Amino acid sequence: RNVVGTLKGEREDEIIVVCAHHDSAPTSPGACDNAGGCATVLELARVFAASPKPWRTIHFCTWGSHETGMHGSEAYIRAAQAAGR
């Protein structure tokens, strides 16, 4: 599964995506692949949520199924294209 949080900006039609993946390779404990990236995405979401409304909309995302073929990020892209974004 993907986890997506949205912080609406002044320009809802302009979207910045901040992302990482939350699964890890079978040979990795996940600490660097990619728990650090997920922690960064969460911290950025926290900081931006406590700040004035951003100019552009921001999607804070963590992808599932990255290590098995980038299925999570591809699903996000397909949905965005279908929505005309």
C-alpha atoms as a PDB file:
ATOM      1  CA  ARG A   1       0.000   0.000   0.000  1.00  0.00           C
ATOM      2  CA  ASN A   2       0.971   3.616  -0.507  1.00  0.00           C
ATOM      3  CA  VAL A   3       0.611   6.256   2.174  1.00  0.00           C
ATOM      4  CA  VAL A   4      -0.153   9.740   0.833  1.00  0.00           C
ATOM      5  CA  GLY A   5      -0.748  12.900   2.824  1.00  0.00           C
ATOM      6  CA  THR A   6      -1.714  16.134   1.088  1.00  0.00           C
ATOM      7  CA  LEU A   7      -1.059  19.677   2.246  1.00  0.00           C
ATOM      8  CA  LYS A   8      -3.065  21.981   0.008  1.00  0.00           C
ATOM      9  CA  GLY A   9      -1.266  25.062  -1.178  1.00  0.00           C
ATOM     10  CA  GLU A  10      -2.415  28.324  -2.706  1.00  0.00           C
ATOM     11  CA  ARG A  11      -1.953  26.715  -6.130  1.00  0.00           C
ATOM     12  CA  GLU A  12      -3.717  23.359  -5.834  1.00  0.00           C
ATOM     13  CA  ASP A  13      -2.939  22.561  -9.483  1.00  0.00           C
ATOM     14  CA  GLU A  14       0.825  22.711  -8.877  1.00  0.00           C
ATOM     15  CA  ILE A  15       1.977  19.670  -6.909  1.00  0.00           C
ATOM     16  CA  ILE A  16       5.321  18.868  -5.338  1.00  0.00           C
ATOM     17  CA  VAL A  17       5.861  15.219  -4.392  1.00  0.00           C
ATOM     18  CA  VAL A  18       8.145  14.366  -1.471  1.00  0.00           C
ATOM     19  CA  CYS A  19       8.588  10.607  -1.308  1.00  0.00           C
ATOM     20  CA  ALA A  20      10.379   7.525  -0.054  1.00  0.00           C
ATOM     21  CA  HIS A  21       9.556   3.823   0.027  1.00  0.00           C
ATOM     22  CA  HIS A  22       8.574   1.941   3.170  1.00  0.00           C
ATOM     23  CA  ASP A  23       9.487  -1.592   2.164  1.00  0.00           C
ATOM     24  CA  SER A  24      12.992  -2.977   2.299  1.00  0.00           C
ATOM     25  CA  ALA A  25      15.002  -5.496   0.337  1.00  0.00           C
ATOM     26  CA  PRO A  26      15.076  -9.038   1.767  1.00  0.00           C
ATOM     27  CA  THR A  27      18.817  -8.657   2.401  1.00  0.00           C
ATOM     28  CA  SER A  28      18.470  -5.306   4.193  1.00  0.00           C
ATOM     29  CA  PRO A  29      17.296  -4.560   7.741  1.00  0.00           C
ATOM     30  CA  GLY A  30      15.495  -1.495   6.390  1.00  0.00           C
ATOM     31  CA  ALA A  31      17.330   1.064   8.533  1.00  0.00           C
ATOM     32  CA  CYS A  32      18.866   2.724   5.506  1.00  0.00           C
ATOM     33  CA  ASP A  33      16.628   1.150   2.870  1.00  0.00           C
ATOM     34  CA  ASN A  34      14.526   3.174   3.411  1.00  0.00           C
ATOM     35  CA  ALA A  35      13.489   3.982   6.977  1.00  0.00           C
ATOM     36  CA  GLY A  36      15.644   7.134   6.878  1.00  0.00           C
ATOM     37  CA  GLY A  37      13.811   8.373   3.800  1.00  0.00           C
ATOM     38  CA  CYS A  38      10.415   7.734   5.403  1.00  0.00           C
ATOM     39  CA  ALA A  39      11.489   9.587   8.543  1.00  0.00           C
ATOM     40  CA  THR A  40      12.538  12.527   6.372  1.00  0.00           C
ATOM     41  CA  VAL A  41       9.181  12.568   4.565  1.00  0.00           C
ATOM     42  CA  LEU A  42       7.325  12.529   7.914  1.00  0.00           C
ATOM     43  CA  GLU A  43       9.493  15.288   9.393  1.00  0.00           C
ATOM     44  CA  LEU A  44       9.017  17.496   6.329  1.00  0.00           C
ATOM     45  CA  ALA A  45       5.258  16.935   6.559  1.00  0.00           C
ATOM     46  CA  ARG A  46       5.316  17.933  10.230  1.00  0.00           C
ATOM     47  CA  VAL A  47       7.331  21.090   9.595  1.00  0.00           C
ATOM     48  CA  PHE A  48       5.276  22.208   6.585  1.00  0.00           C
ATOM     49  CA  ALA A  49       1.979  21.507   8.390  1.00  0.00           C
ATOM     50  CA  ALA A  50       3.073  23.833  11.204  1.00  0.00           C
ATOM     51  CA  SER A  51       4.077  26.566   8.747  1.00  0.00           C
ATOM     52  CA  PRO A  52       2.005  29.085   6.778  1.00  0.00           C
ATOM     53  CA  LYS A  53       0.103  27.668   3.814  1.00  0.00           C
ATOM     54  CA  PRO A  54       2.573  26.792   1.045  1.00  0.00           C
ATOM     55  CA  TRP A  55       2.342  28.265  -2.431  1.00  0.00           C
ATOM     56  CA  ARG A  56       2.155  24.841  -4.105  1.00  0.00           C
ATOM     57  CA  THR A  57       0.302  21.750  -2.938  1.00  0.00           C
ATOM     58  CA  ILE A  58       2.605  19.123  -1.440  1.00  0.00           C
ATOM     59  CA  HIS A  59       2.036  15.361  -1.479  1.00  0.00           C
ATOM     60  CA  PHE A  60       4.006  13.537   1.212  1.00  0.00           C
ATOM     61  CA  CYS A  61       4.200   9.908   0.050  1.00  0.00           C
ATOM     62  CA  THR A  62       5.704   6.619   1.048  1.00  0.00           C
ATOM     63  CA  TRP A  63       5.480   3.831  -1.499  1.00  0.00           C
ATOM     64  CA  GLY A  64       4.884   0.164  -0.963  1.00  0.00           C
ATOM     65  CA  SER A  65       6.195  -2.578  -3.244  1.00  0.00           C
ATOM     66  CA  HIS A  66       9.236  -0.575  -4.331  1.00  0.00           C
ATOM     67  CA  GLU A  67      11.618  -3.472  -3.951  1.00  0.00           C
ATOM     68  CA  THR A  68       9.390  -5.773  -6.016  1.00  0.00           C
ATOM     69  CA  GLY A  69       9.285  -3.542  -9.078  1.00  0.00           C
ATOM     70  CA  MET A  70       8.275   0.009  -8.084  1.00  0.00           C
ATOM     71  CA  HIS A  71       4.587  -0.961  -8.136  1.00  0.00           C
ATOM     72  CA  GLY A  72       3.603   1.585  -5.492  1.00  0.00           C
ATOM     73  CA  SER A  73       5.048   4.646  -7.209  1.00  0.00           C
ATOM     74  CA  GLU A  74       3.770   3.478 -10.581  1.00  0.00           C
ATOM     75  CA  ALA A  75       0.248   3.153  -9.133  1.00  0.00           C
ATOM     76  CA  TYR A  76       0.494   6.731  -7.831  1.00  0.00           C
ATOM     77  CA  ILE A  77       1.591   7.995 -11.251  1.00  0.00           C
ATOM     78  CA  ARG A  78      -1.210   6.113 -13.049  1.00  0.00           C
ATOM     79  CA  ALA A  79      -3.802   7.561 -10.656  1.00  0.00           C
ATOM     80  CA  ALA A  80      -2.392  11.078 -11.062  1.00  0.00           C
ATOM     81  CA  GLN A  81      -2.472  10.771 -14.852  1.00  0.00           C
ATOM     82  CA  ALA A  82      -6.061   9.480 -14.745  1.00  0.00           C
ATOM     83  CA  ALA A  83      -7.003  12.510 -12.617  1.00  0.00           C
ATOM     84  CA  GLY A  84      -5.364  14.829 -15.144  1.00  0.00           C
ATOM     85  CA  ARG A  85      -2.480  15.921 -12.888  1.00  0.00           C
END
